[in-house]
């Protein structure tokens, strides 16, 4: 991800095409990951998906609306369960 690319002797249009292709490729990768229903996500990621604070996510876990999955020392949630909560509210 931290690759350095030196662009010289390119026109503005060629650079624009290179950037557009890179962004398109990254977006396709992101969308594929987003569709994976059994993907584990962090509490922070769940909070961003729901547009709430992490405290709210922990509250939802406490009352049983979201099931927490301990992986090592971290807490994870299934993306599909978070998305289901979105649909229920």
C-alpha atoms as a PDB file:
ATOM      1  CA  UNK A   1       0.000   0.000   0.000  1.00  0.00           C
ATOM      2  CA  UNK A   2       2.936   2.317   0.619  1.00  0.00           C
ATOM      3  CA  UNK A   3       4.320   2.050  -2.882  1.00  0.00           C
ATOM      4  CA  UNK A   4       5.953   5.070  -4.433  1.00  0.00           C
ATOM      5  CA  UNK A   5       5.107   5.779  -8.027  1.00  0.00           C
ATOM      6  CA  UNK A   6       6.994   8.416  -9.980  1.00  0.00           C
ATOM      7  CA  UNK A   7       4.991   9.795 -12.849  1.00  0.00           C
ATOM      8  CA  UNK A   8       6.942  11.600 -15.488  1.00  0.00           C
ATOM      9  CA  UNK A   9       6.374  12.150 -19.165  1.00  0.00           C
ATOM     10  CA  UNK A  10       2.654  11.516 -18.784  1.00  0.00           C
ATOM     11  CA  UNK A  11      -0.080  13.777 -19.997  1.00  0.00           C
ATOM     12  CA  UNK A  12      -2.800  14.999 -17.686  1.00  0.00           C
ATOM     13  CA  UNK A  13      -5.252  12.637 -19.378  1.00  0.00           C
ATOM     14  CA  UNK A  14      -2.966   9.622 -18.934  1.00  0.00           C
ATOM     15  CA  UNK A  15      -2.503  10.359 -15.232  1.00  0.00           C
ATOM     16  CA  UNK A  16      -6.244  10.832 -14.876  1.00  0.00           C
ATOM     17  CA  UNK A  17      -6.849   7.430 -16.491  1.00  0.00           C
ATOM     18  CA  UNK A  18      -4.272   5.738 -14.247  1.00  0.00           C
ATOM     19  CA  UNK A  19      -5.848   7.199 -11.112  1.00  0.00           C
ATOM     20  CA  UNK A  20      -9.393   6.378 -12.254  1.00  0.00           C
ATOM     21  CA  UNK A  21      -8.413   2.764 -12.952  1.00  0.00           C
ATOM     22  CA  UNK A  22      -6.748   2.433  -9.544  1.00  0.00           C
ATOM     23  CA  UNK A  23      -9.771   3.883  -7.738  1.00  0.00           C
ATOM     24  CA  UNK A  24     -12.138   1.629  -9.689  1.00  0.00           C
ATOM     25  CA  UNK A  25     -10.085  -1.437  -8.793  1.00  0.00           C
ATOM     26  CA  UNK A  26     -10.016  -0.462  -5.112  1.00  0.00           C
ATOM     27  CA  UNK A  27     -13.771   0.149  -5.058  1.00  0.00           C
ATOM     28  CA  UNK A  28     -14.484  -3.240  -6.614  1.00  0.00           C
ATOM     29  CA  UNK A  29     -12.335  -4.894  -3.957  1.00  0.00           C
ATOM     30  CA  UNK A  30     -14.140  -2.954  -1.208  1.00  0.00           C
ATOM     31  CA  UNK A  31     -17.567  -3.871  -2.595  1.00  0.00           C
ATOM     32  CA  UNK A  32     -16.634  -7.555  -2.759  1.00  0.00           C
ATOM     33  CA  UNK A  33     -15.596  -7.468   0.912  1.00  0.00           C
ATOM     34  CA  UNK A  34     -18.804  -5.657   1.798  1.00  0.00           C
ATOM     35  CA  UNK A  35     -20.876  -8.477   0.311  1.00  0.00           C
ATOM     36  CA  UNK A  36     -19.217 -11.176   2.402  1.00  0.00           C
ATOM     37  CA  UNK A  37     -21.957 -11.888   4.959  1.00  0.00           C
ATOM     38  CA  UNK A  38     -19.822 -13.943   7.354  1.00  0.00           C
ATOM     39  CA  UNK A  39     -17.070 -11.369   7.547  1.00  0.00           C
ATOM     40  CA  UNK A  40     -16.089 -10.317  11.028  1.00  0.00           C
ATOM     41  CA  UNK A  41     -15.861  -6.594  11.640  1.00  0.00           C
ATOM     42  CA  UNK A  42     -14.623  -4.555  14.578  1.00  0.00           C
ATOM     43  CA  UNK A  43     -16.800  -2.590  16.963  1.00  0.00           C
ATOM     44  CA  UNK A  44     -15.475   0.614  15.365  1.00  0.00           C
ATOM     45  CA  UNK A  45     -16.462  -0.599  11.889  1.00  0.00           C
ATOM     46  CA  UNK A  46     -19.932  -1.567  13.129  1.00  0.00           C
ATOM     47  CA  UNK A  47     -20.347   1.863  14.709  1.00  0.00           C
ATOM     48  CA  UNK A  48     -19.451   3.520  11.410  1.00  0.00           C
ATOM     49  CA  UNK A  49     -21.890   1.311   9.493  1.00  0.00           C
ATOM     50  CA  UNK A  50     -24.701   2.226  11.886  1.00  0.00           C
ATOM     51  CA  UNK A  51     -23.607   5.864  12.297  1.00  0.00           C
ATOM     52  CA  UNK A  52     -23.539   5.506  16.071  1.00  0.00           C
ATOM     53  CA  UNK A  53     -20.903   5.536  18.799  1.00  0.00           C
ATOM     54  CA  UNK A  54     -18.998   2.475  19.943  1.00  0.00           C
ATOM     55  CA  UNK A  55     -20.779   2.825  23.299  1.00  0.00           C
ATOM     56  CA  UNK A  56     -24.083   2.237  21.481  1.00  0.00           C
ATOM     57  CA  UNK A  57     -22.655  -0.905  19.857  1.00  0.00           C
ATOM     58  CA  UNK A  58     -21.568  -2.233  23.264  1.00  0.00           C
ATOM     59  CA  UNK A  59     -25.039  -1.397  24.639  1.00  0.00           C
ATOM     60  CA  UNK A  60     -26.644  -3.379  21.786  1.00  0.00           C
ATOM     61  CA  UNK A  61     -24.378  -6.331  22.606  1.00  0.00           C
ATOM     62  CA  UNK A  62     -25.297  -6.078  26.296  1.00  0.00           C
ATOM     63  CA  UNK A  63     -29.049  -6.320  25.600  1.00  0.00           C
ATOM     64  CA  UNK A  64     -28.565  -9.096  23.032  1.00  0.00           C
ATOM     65  CA  UNK A  65     -29.371  -7.187  19.842  1.00  0.00           C
ATOM     66  CA  UNK A  66     -25.867  -7.921  18.558  1.00  0.00           C
ATOM     67  CA  UNK A  67     -23.913 -11.086  19.315  1.00  0.00           C
ATOM     68  CA  UNK A  68     -20.254 -10.536  20.143  1.00  0.00           C
ATOM     69  CA  UNK A  69     -17.585 -12.938  18.969  1.00  0.00           C
ATOM     70  CA  UNK A  70     -14.322 -12.968  20.895  1.00  0.00           C
ATOM     71  CA  UNK A  71     -11.339 -13.483  18.632  1.00  0.00           C
ATOM     72  CA  UNK A  72      -8.176 -13.430  20.674  1.00  0.00           C
ATOM     73  CA  UNK A  73      -8.461 -10.408  22.935  1.00  0.00           C
ATOM     74  CA  UNK A  74     -10.648  -8.521  20.485  1.00  0.00           C
ATOM     75  CA  UNK A  75     -14.395  -8.353  20.067  1.00  0.00           C
ATOM     76  CA  UNK A  76     -15.801  -8.834  16.581  1.00  0.00           C
ATOM     77  CA  UNK A  77     -19.281  -8.827  15.074  1.00  0.00           C
ATOM     78  CA  UNK A  78     -20.626 -10.540  12.002  1.00  0.00           C
ATOM     79  CA  UNK A  79     -21.286  -8.023   9.236  1.00  0.00           C
ATOM     80  CA  UNK A  80     -24.527  -9.860   8.389  1.00  0.00           C
ATOM     81  CA  UNK A  81     -25.817  -9.403  11.949  1.00  0.00           C
ATOM     82  CA  UNK A  82     -24.985  -5.694  11.902  1.00  0.00           C
ATOM     83  CA  UNK A  83     -26.730  -5.319   8.537  1.00  0.00           C
ATOM     84  CA  UNK A  84     -29.753  -7.185   9.917  1.00  0.00           C
ATOM     85  CA  UNK A  85     -29.919  -4.702  12.793  1.00  0.00           C
ATOM     86  CA  UNK A  86     -29.977  -1.882  10.251  1.00  0.00           C
ATOM     87  CA  UNK A  87     -32.931  -3.506   8.496  1.00  0.00           C
ATOM     88  CA  UNK A  88     -34.801  -4.031  11.783  1.00  0.00           C
ATOM     89  CA  UNK A  89     -34.544  -0.389  12.828  1.00  0.00           C
END
